[in-house]
């Protein structure tokens, strides 16, 4: 459907009115944008003050609102809940469910038919043994 220039201009103006206006940030701008969280009270950006691991899959983080008039300080827990892509250096003590989007049957075929290639680990300790060795699932061919 083609719109005239006037119709396009009106549609763009309507869309601009619906967007959250820029420049309404109440607190300081943050250097580490990926670590921000919105304050639940004033909606300004909050920054991490400190954090500590609770377990291998959970971290407790203390945030502080950057809006000086609010000043809310709160604790948030960040938890790893599922695997989207398996690790190349898995820790056998970490048990995370595989996301339902992963084609387990296809992953098994790939693992069963994959060749081996030498690799020298630079950043992780070498793992001894085959983490995927063991009993094959029922119905799997050898």
C-alpha atoms as a PDB file:
ATOM      1  CA  UNK A   1       0.000   0.000   0.000  1.00  0.00           C
ATOM      2  CA  UNK A   2       1.524   3.296  -1.092  1.00  0.00           C
ATOM      3  CA  UNK A   3       1.184   6.395   1.068  1.00  0.00           C
ATOM      4  CA  UNK A   4       1.377   9.969  -0.059  1.00  0.00           C
ATOM      5  CA  UNK A   5       4.115  12.204   1.309  1.00  0.00           C
ATOM      6  CA  UNK A   6       1.677  13.861   3.720  1.00  0.00           C
ATOM      7  CA  UNK A   7       0.423  10.477   4.947  1.00  0.00           C
ATOM      8  CA  UNK A   8       3.988   9.227   5.455  1.00  0.00           C
ATOM      9  CA  UNK A   9       4.853  12.371   7.428  1.00  0.00           C
ATOM     10  CA  UNK A  10       1.762  11.930   9.626  1.00  0.00           C
ATOM     11  CA  UNK A  11       2.625   8.252  10.247  1.00  0.00           C
ATOM     12  CA  UNK A  12       6.200   9.139  11.215  1.00  0.00           C
ATOM     13  CA  UNK A  13       5.002  11.863  13.600  1.00  0.00           C
ATOM     14  CA  UNK A  14       2.526   9.451  15.219  1.00  0.00           C
ATOM     15  CA  UNK A  15       5.263   6.832  15.646  1.00  0.00           C
ATOM     16  CA  UNK A  16       7.612   9.429  17.173  1.00  0.00           C
ATOM     17  CA  UNK A  17       4.971  10.407  19.746  1.00  0.00           C
ATOM     18  CA  UNK A  18       4.574   6.748  20.810  1.00  0.00           C
ATOM     19  CA  UNK A  19       8.323   6.242  21.358  1.00  0.00           C
ATOM     20  CA  UNK A  20       9.841   6.845  24.764  1.00  0.00           C
ATOM     21  CA  UNK A  21      11.296  10.359  24.624  1.00  0.00           C
ATOM     22  CA  UNK A  22      15.077  10.629  24.693  1.00  0.00           C
ATOM     23  CA  UNK A  23      16.895  12.802  27.164  1.00  0.00           C
ATOM     24  CA  UNK A  24      14.693  11.958  30.163  1.00  0.00           C
ATOM     25  CA  UNK A  25      17.519  10.044  31.875  1.00  0.00           C
ATOM     26  CA  UNK A  26      17.530  11.033  35.527  1.00  0.00           C
ATOM     27  CA  UNK A  27      20.905   9.670  36.643  1.00  0.00           C
ATOM     28  CA  UNK A  28      24.517   9.569  35.469  1.00  0.00           C
ATOM     29  CA  UNK A  29      25.470   8.002  32.153  1.00  0.00           C
ATOM     30  CA  UNK A  30      27.264   4.693  32.646  1.00  0.00           C
ATOM     31  CA  UNK A  31      30.481   3.510  31.031  1.00  0.00           C
ATOM     32  CA  UNK A  32      29.528  -0.164  31.128  1.00  0.00           C
ATOM     33  CA  UNK A  33      26.134  -0.132  29.422  1.00  0.00           C
ATOM     34  CA  UNK A  34      25.779  -3.933  29.593  1.00  0.00           C
ATOM     35  CA  UNK A  35      25.758  -3.874  33.404  1.00  0.00           C
ATOM     36  CA  UNK A  36      22.869  -1.468  33.849  1.00  0.00           C
ATOM     37  CA  UNK A  37      19.466  -2.260  35.280  1.00  0.00           C
ATOM     38  CA  UNK A  38      16.456  -0.003  35.577  1.00  0.00           C
ATOM     39  CA  UNK A  39      15.582   1.198  39.080  1.00  0.00           C
ATOM     40  CA  UNK A  40      12.203  -0.321  39.979  1.00  0.00           C
ATOM     41  CA  UNK A  41      11.081   2.959  41.588  1.00  0.00           C
ATOM     42  CA  UNK A  42      12.175   5.927  39.467  1.00  0.00           C
ATOM     43  CA  UNK A  43      13.110   3.996  36.278  1.00  0.00           C
ATOM     44  CA  UNK A  44      16.556   5.670  36.081  1.00  0.00           C
ATOM     45  CA  UNK A  45      19.596   3.527  35.339  1.00  0.00           C
ATOM     46  CA  UNK A  46      21.207   1.682  38.256  1.00  0.00           C
ATOM     47  CA  UNK A  47      24.830   0.595  38.359  1.00  0.00           C
ATOM     48  CA  UNK A  48      26.570  -2.359  39.961  1.00  0.00           C
ATOM     49  CA  UNK A  49      28.313  -1.527  43.230  1.00  0.00           C
ATOM     50  CA  UNK A  50      29.501  -5.052  44.057  1.00  0.00           C
ATOM     51  CA  UNK A  51      28.695  -8.687  43.351  1.00  0.00           C
ATOM     52  CA  UNK A  52      29.572 -12.146  44.562  1.00  0.00           C
ATOM     53  CA  UNK A  53      29.049 -15.672  43.282  1.00  0.00           C
ATOM     54  CA  UNK A  54      26.377 -17.701  45.063  1.00  0.00           C
ATOM     55  CA  UNK A  55      26.967 -20.873  43.038  1.00  0.00           C
ATOM     56  CA  UNK A  56      28.413 -21.904  39.676  1.00  0.00           C
ATOM     57  CA  UNK A  57      25.199 -20.741  37.989  1.00  0.00           C
ATOM     58  CA  UNK A  58      24.084 -17.818  40.192  1.00  0.00           C
ATOM     59  CA  UNK A  59      25.520 -14.424  41.120  1.00  0.00           C
ATOM     60  CA  UNK A  60      24.174 -11.924  43.690  1.00  0.00           C
ATOM     61  CA  UNK A  61      24.642  -8.299  42.608  1.00  0.00           C
ATOM     62  CA  UNK A  62      24.100  -5.058  44.538  1.00  0.00           C
ATOM     63  CA  UNK A  63      22.841  -2.190  42.366  1.00  0.00           C
ATOM     64  CA  UNK A  64      22.556   1.496  43.204  1.00  0.00           C
ATOM     65  CA  UNK A  65      20.301   3.965  41.401  1.00  0.00           C
ATOM     66  CA  UNK A  66      22.185   6.775  39.658  1.00  0.00           C
ATOM     67  CA  UNK A  67      19.350   9.242  40.329  1.00  0.00           C
ATOM     68  CA  UNK A  68      20.594  11.134  43.404  1.00  0.00           C
ATOM     69  CA  UNK A  69      17.038  12.075  44.374  1.00  0.00           C
ATOM     70  CA  UNK A  70      16.065   8.390  44.498  1.00  0.00           C
ATOM     71  CA  UNK A  71      19.247   6.650  45.700  1.00  0.00           C
ATOM     72  CA  UNK A  72      17.604   3.217  45.862  1.00  0.00           C
ATOM     73  CA  UNK A  73      20.063   0.374  46.551  1.00  0.00           C
ATOM     74  CA  UNK A  74      18.881  -3.163  45.872  1.00  0.00           C
ATOM     75  CA  UNK A  75      20.041  -6.761  45.411  1.00  0.00           C
ATOM     76  CA  UNK A  76      19.447  -8.791  42.251  1.00  0.00           C
ATOM     77  CA  UNK A  77      20.211 -12.445  41.588  1.00  0.00           C
ATOM     78  CA  UNK A  78      21.385 -13.419  38.124  1.00  0.00           C
ATOM     79  CA  UNK A  79      20.952 -17.092  37.321  1.00  0.00           C
ATOM     80  CA  UNK A  80      21.998 -19.158  34.330  1.00  0.00           C
ATOM     81  CA  UNK A  81      18.914 -21.230  33.527  1.00  0.00           C
ATOM     82  CA  UNK A  82      19.561 -23.189  30.307  1.00  0.00           C
ATOM     83  CA  UNK A  83      22.122 -23.965  27.625  1.00  0.00           C
ATOM     84  CA  UNK A  84      21.614 -22.584  24.125  1.00  0.00           C
ATOM     85  CA  UNK A  85      24.878 -23.902  22.716  1.00  0.00           C
ATOM     86  CA  UNK A  86      26.966 -26.520  24.554  1.00  0.00           C
ATOM     87  CA  UNK A  87      30.384 -25.543  25.887  1.00  0.00           C
ATOM     88  CA  UNK A  88      33.498 -26.822  24.171  1.00  0.00           C
ATOM     89  CA  UNK A  89      35.058 -27.201  27.644  1.00  0.00           C
ATOM     90  CA  UNK A  90      32.155 -28.350  29.845  1.00  0.00           C
ATOM     91  CA  UNK A  91      32.439 -28.709  33.606  1.00  0.00           C
ATOM     92  CA  UNK A  92      30.883 -32.058  34.583  1.00  0.00           C
ATOM     93  CA  UNK A  93      29.786 -30.611  37.932  1.00  0.00           C
ATOM     94  CA  UNK A  94      27.549 -28.017  36.241  1.00  0.00           C
ATOM     95  CA  UNK A  95      24.190 -29.470  35.263  1.00  0.00           C
ATOM     96  CA  UNK A  96      22.144 -27.109  33.085  1.00  0.00           C
ATOM     97  CA  UNK A  97      19.135 -28.129  31.025  1.00  0.00           C
ATOM     98  CA  UNK A  98      19.475 -27.916  27.252  1.00  0.00           C
ATOM     99  CA  UNK A  99      17.123 -25.430  25.588  1.00  0.00           C
ATOM    100  CA  UNK A 100      14.210 -27.060  23.776  1.00  0.00           C
ATOM    101  CA  UNK A 101      15.277 -25.443  20.502  1.00  0.00           C
ATOM    102  CA  UNK A 102      18.428 -27.625  20.394  1.00  0.00           C
ATOM    103  CA  UNK A 103      18.001 -30.589  18.076  1.00  0.00           C
ATOM    104  CA  UNK A 104      19.336 -33.289  20.404  1.00  0.00           C
ATOM    105  CA  UNK A 105      19.067 -35.985  17.762  1.00  0.00           C
ATOM    106  CA  UNK A 106      21.105 -33.877  15.329  1.00  0.00           C
ATOM    107  CA  UNK A 107      23.656 -33.017  18.039  1.00  0.00           C
ATOM    108  CA  UNK A 108      24.105 -36.725  18.805  1.00  0.00           C
ATOM    109  CA  UNK A 109      24.645 -37.526  15.104  1.00  0.00           C
ATOM    110  CA  UNK A 110      27.225 -34.742  14.808  1.00  0.00           C
ATOM    111  CA  UNK A 111      29.077 -35.901  17.924  1.00  0.00           C
ATOM    112  CA  UNK A 112      29.012 -39.552  16.846  1.00  0.00           C
ATOM    113  CA  UNK A 113      30.369 -38.763  13.363  1.00  0.00           C
ATOM    114  CA  UNK A 114      32.777 -35.944  14.136  1.00  0.00           C
ATOM    115  CA  UNK A 115      36.453 -36.529  13.543  1.00  0.00           C
ATOM    116  CA  UNK A 116      39.165 -35.487  15.954  1.00  0.00           C
ATOM    117  CA  UNK A 117      41.583 -32.598  15.504  1.00  0.00           C
ATOM    118  CA  UNK A 118      44.455 -31.490  17.715  1.00  0.00           C
ATOM    119  CA  UNK A 119      43.848 -28.429  19.873  1.00  0.00           C
ATOM    120  CA  UNK A 120      46.106 -26.735  22.392  1.00  0.00           C
ATOM    121  CA  UNK A 121      43.976 -24.948  25.024  1.00  0.00           C
ATOM    122  CA  UNK A 122      45.147 -21.407  25.761  1.00  0.00           C
ATOM    123  CA  UNK A 123      42.694 -20.277  28.425  1.00  0.00           C
ATOM    124  CA  UNK A 124      41.250 -23.420  30.014  1.00  0.00           C
ATOM    125  CA  UNK A 125      42.726 -26.378  31.836  1.00  0.00           C
ATOM    126  CA  UNK A 126      42.755 -29.546  29.779  1.00  0.00           C
ATOM    127  CA  UNK A 127      39.972 -31.997  30.567  1.00  0.00           C
ATOM    128  CA  UNK A 128      40.968 -35.620  30.749  1.00  0.00           C
ATOM    129  CA  UNK A 129      38.659 -38.303  29.420  1.00  0.00           C
ATOM    130  CA  UNK A 130      35.630 -38.053  27.215  1.00  0.00           C
ATOM    131  CA  UNK A 131      32.798 -36.165  28.892  1.00  0.00           C
ATOM    132  CA  UNK A 132      30.341 -37.687  26.421  1.00  0.00           C
ATOM    133  CA  UNK A 133      31.517 -41.283  26.926  1.00  0.00           C
ATOM    134  CA  UNK A 134      29.227 -43.720  28.642  1.00  0.00           C
ATOM    135  CA  UNK A 135      26.083 -45.613  27.871  1.00  0.00           C
ATOM    136  CA  UNK A 136      24.381 -44.726  24.609  1.00  0.00           C
ATOM    137  CA  UNK A 137      20.691 -43.802  24.883  1.00  0.00           C
ATOM    138  CA  UNK A 138      18.183 -46.530  24.106  1.00  0.00           C
ATOM    139  CA  UNK A 139      17.678 -46.941  20.373  1.00  0.00           C
ATOM    140  CA  UNK A 140      20.987 -45.307  19.407  1.00  0.00           C
ATOM    141  CA  UNK A 141      23.142 -47.122  16.905  1.00  0.00           C
ATOM    142  CA  UNK A 142      26.828 -47.714  17.570  1.00  0.00           C
END
